[in-house]
Amino acid sequence: MNSSCIETRDLQFAYADGPPVLHDISLTIDQGDFVAIIGQNGSGKTTLAKHFNGLLQPDCGEVFLFGKCIAGKKMDELAQHVGYVFQNPDHQIFSPTVREEVSFGPRNLGLGKETVDCRTEAALKQFELTAVADRQPAVLGFGLRRKVCIAAVYAMQTPVLILDEPTSGLDLKSTNDLMTLIC
């Protein structure tokens, strides 16, 4: 039985009209692993992570999720398995209220109303967002918008969770709380 959740083989990628960003990346991330990809700005960390859920397709090489190649898989199918929190919350938030933002993912997974409501309320509580649940996320400060994005993906309960620069804009308490939740 294959215990890997994400695997890449000879992954290569370059943005249109740009130099290569990823060169023959082969890695395996096993189920249950907590992995941090670190490096300088512009080194390809986000580019690599966006291959794990199909946001980007490799120019060459393969990406596997739970032992199955994801080439040709639809985004909605991959979203059931890989949750992705963008580096900039303004690239993710679009709903008129925090509650609707947090419930969007579970609703789109096709879950029943009771399950969606339960997951939404649990995520709001877990990330201390209940007090702002009926506010517009766009008017919240950066740190709160970041927490809304993380709560929204957390509510989907995907087996793989990718956080791009997860602690950016969070105070020390929120950073510690987040690390406690995901570790």
Protein backbone atom coordinates (compact mmCIF):
# COMPACT_ATOMS: atom_id res chain seq x y z
CA MET A 1 0.00 0.00 0.00
CA ASN A 2 1.33 3.42 -0.98
CA SER A 3 1.66 5.75 2.01
CA SER A 4 2.54 8.87 0.01
CA CYS A 5 0.00 11.62 -0.32
CA ILE A 6 1.96 13.82 -2.75
CA GLU A 7 4.70 12.77 -5.09
CA THR A 8 6.40 14.53 -7.97
CA ARG A 9 8.65 12.90 -10.54
CA ASP A 10 11.03 14.96 -12.67
CA LEU A 11 8.73 18.00 -12.41
CA GLN A 12 9.65 20.90 -14.67
CA PHE A 13 7.85 24.20 -15.15
CA ALA A 14 8.40 27.61 -16.69
CA TYR A 15 5.92 30.48 -16.93
CA ALA A 16 5.10 31.63 -20.47
CA ASP A 17 8.01 33.57 -21.99
CA GLY A 18 10.00 33.13 -18.79
CA PRO A 19 12.96 31.13 -17.63
CA PRO A 20 12.49 27.68 -16.05
CA VAL A 21 11.32 27.89 -12.44
CA LEU A 22 11.27 24.22 -11.47
CA HIS A 23 14.00 21.84 -12.68
CA ASP A 24 13.54 18.07 -12.32
CA ILE A 25 11.86 18.19 -8.91
CA SER A 26 11.26 14.73 -7.48
CA LEU A 27 9.88 14.43 -3.98
CA THR A 28 7.60 12.34 -1.86
CA ILE A 29 5.48 13.60 1.00
CA ASP A 30 4.01 10.80 3.08
CA GLN A 31 0.61 10.85 4.71
CA GLY A 32 0.80 12.52 8.11
CA ASP A 33 3.94 14.50 7.29
CA PHE A 34 4.19 18.18 8.16
CA VAL A 35 6.41 19.76 5.53
CA ALA A 36 7.72 23.30 5.22
CA ILE A 37 9.12 24.36 1.88
CA ILE A 38 11.56 27.18 2.52
CA GLY A 39 13.69 29.32 0.29
CA GLN A 40 14.31 32.81 -0.96
CA ASN A 41 11.59 34.93 -2.56
CA GLY A 42 11.21 33.89 -6.17
CA SER A 43 12.77 30.46 -5.68
CA GLY A 44 9.62 28.57 -6.79
CA LYS A 45 7.98 27.56 -3.50
CA THR A 46 4.51 28.79 -4.48
CA THR A 47 4.93 27.50 -8.02
CA LEU A 48 5.72 24.03 -6.68
CA ALA A 49 2.80 24.07 -4.23
CA LYS A 50 0.35 25.06 -6.98
CA HIS A 51 1.24 21.85 -8.81
CA PHE A 52 0.05 19.75 -5.85
CA ASN A 53 -3.59 20.69 -6.43
CA GLY A 54 -3.56 21.23 -10.18
CA LEU A 55 -3.56 25.03 -10.17
CA LEU A 56 -0.51 24.70 -12.41
CA GLN A 57 0.31 21.88 -14.81
CA PRO A 58 3.93 20.76 -15.30
CA ASP A 59 5.70 21.28 -18.59
CA CYS A 60 7.33 17.93 -18.01
CA GLY A 61 7.12 15.31 -15.28
CA GLU A 62 4.25 14.04 -13.17
CA VAL A 63 2.39 14.82 -9.96
CA PHE A 64 0.69 12.08 -7.96
CA LEU A 65 -1.93 12.44 -5.24
CA PHE A 66 -2.40 9.34 -3.07
CA GLY A 67 -0.62 7.28 -5.73
CA LYS A 68 -2.72 8.48 -8.69
CA CYS A 69 -1.45 10.81 -11.40
CA ILE A 70 -3.42 14.07 -11.34
CA ALA A 71 -2.86 14.92 -15.03
CA GLY A 72 -6.23 15.61 -16.60
CA LYS A 73 -8.09 15.70 -13.27
CA LYS A 74 -10.64 18.48 -12.80
CA MET A 75 -10.11 21.13 -10.15
CA ASP A 76 -13.32 20.22 -8.30
CA GLU A 77 -12.15 16.63 -7.99
CA LEU A 78 -8.74 17.67 -6.67
CA ALA A 79 -10.33 20.19 -4.27
CA GLN A 80 -11.89 17.27 -2.39
CA HIS A 81 -8.40 16.10 -1.47
CA VAL A 82 -6.17 19.18 -1.38
CA GLY A 83 -7.05 22.43 0.36
CA TYR A 84 -4.99 25.45 -0.67
CA VAL A 85 -4.72 28.78 1.16
CA PHE A 86 -3.31 31.52 -1.03
CA GLN A 87 -0.46 33.72 0.14
CA ASN A 88 -2.56 36.86 -0.30
CA PRO A 89 -6.04 36.62 1.22
CA ASP A 90 -7.36 39.12 -1.31
CA HIS A 91 -6.75 36.52 -4.03
CA GLN A 92 -9.05 34.09 -2.25
CA ILE A 93 -11.88 36.00 -0.57
CA PHE A 94 -14.94 36.83 -2.65
CA SER A 95 -18.04 36.18 -0.52
CA PRO A 96 -20.13 38.97 1.02
CA THR A 97 -19.78 37.68 4.60
CA VAL A 98 -17.21 35.75 6.59
CA ARG A 99 -19.75 32.99 7.25
CA GLU A 100 -20.48 32.59 3.53
CA GLU A 101 -16.75 32.52 2.76
CA VAL A 102 -16.14 29.76 5.29
CA SER A 103 -19.13 27.74 4.07
CA PHE A 104 -18.30 28.07 0.36
CA GLY A 105 -15.87 25.13 0.17
CA PRO A 106 -18.00 22.58 2.05
CA ARG A 107 -21.06 23.62 -0.01
CA ASN A 108 -19.14 23.11 -3.23
CA LEU A 109 -18.02 19.67 -2.10
CA GLY A 110 -21.71 18.78 -2.33
CA LEU A 111 -22.16 18.24 1.40
CA GLY A 112 -25.61 18.47 2.97
CA LYS A 113 -26.79 21.68 4.63
CA GLU A 114 -26.47 20.27 8.16
CA THR A 115 -22.88 19.16 7.56
CA VAL A 116 -21.99 22.47 5.89
CA ASP A 117 -23.47 24.44 8.79
CA CYS A 118 -21.71 22.27 11.37
CA ARG A 119 -18.31 22.59 9.67
CA THR A 120 -18.78 26.32 9.15
CA GLU A 121 -19.65 27.01 12.77
CA ALA A 122 -16.83 24.78 14.01
CA ALA A 123 -14.27 26.60 11.81
CA LEU A 124 -15.59 30.03 12.85
CA LYS A 125 -15.26 29.04 16.49
CA GLN A 126 -11.87 27.35 16.05
CA PHE A 127 -10.39 30.46 14.40
CA GLU A 128 -12.17 32.90 16.72
CA LEU A 129 -14.19 34.44 13.89
CA THR A 130 -17.70 34.03 15.30
CA ALA A 131 -17.89 37.70 16.32
CA VAL A 132 -17.20 38.81 12.73
CA ALA A 133 -19.12 36.01 10.97
CA ASP A 134 -21.73 38.36 9.49
CA ARG A 135 -19.29 41.10 8.47
CA GLN A 136 -17.82 41.65 5.04
CA PRO A 137 -14.38 40.03 4.95
CA ALA A 138 -13.02 42.77 2.68
CA VAL A 139 -13.33 45.36 5.47
CA LEU A 140 -11.39 43.28 8.00
CA GLY A 141 -7.70 43.82 8.71
CA PHE A 142 -5.11 41.70 6.91
CA GLY A 143 -4.59 39.28 9.80
CA LEU A 144 -8.32 38.60 10.14
CA ARG A 145 -8.69 38.15 6.37
CA ARG A 146 -5.82 35.63 6.55
CA LYS A 147 -7.66 33.74 9.32
CA VAL A 148 -10.87 33.76 7.24
CA CYS A 149 -9.02 32.13 4.34
CA ILE A 150 -7.48 29.48 6.54
CA ALA A 151 -10.82 28.79 8.25
CA ALA A 152 -12.52 28.47 4.85
CA VAL A 153 -10.10 25.78 3.70
CA TYR A 154 -10.01 24.14 7.14
CA ALA A 155 -13.81 23.74 6.97
CA MET A 156 -13.42 21.56 3.88
CA GLN A 157 -11.54 18.95 5.97
CA THR A 158 -9.36 17.84 3.08
CA PRO A 159 -6.69 15.23 3.83
CA VAL A 160 -4.00 17.56 2.42
CA LEU A 161 -3.74 21.18 3.51
CA ILE A 162 -1.37 23.58 1.76
CA LEU A 163 -0.75 26.95 3.38
CA ASP A 164 1.25 29.49 1.37
CA GLU A 165 2.96 31.87 3.84
CA PRO A 166 0.42 30.91 6.53
CA THR A 167 1.60 33.18 9.33
CA SER A 168 1.98 36.34 7.26
CA GLY A 169 -0.05 39.09 8.91
CA LEU A 170 -0.84 37.09 12.05
CA ASP A 171 0.12 38.18 15.54
CA LEU A 172 2.08 35.85 17.82
CA LYS A 173 -1.02 34.39 19.50
CA SER A 174 -2.73 33.68 16.17
CA THR A 175 0.48 32.17 14.80
CA ASN A 176 0.82 29.88 17.83
CA ASP A 177 -2.88 28.94 17.63
CA LEU A 178 -2.54 28.10 13.94
CA MET A 179 0.54 25.97 14.50
CA THR A 180 -1.25 24.11 17.29
CA LEU A 181 -4.17 23.40 14.96
CA ILE A 182 -2.18 22.10 12.03
CA CYS A 183 0.62 20.22 13.77
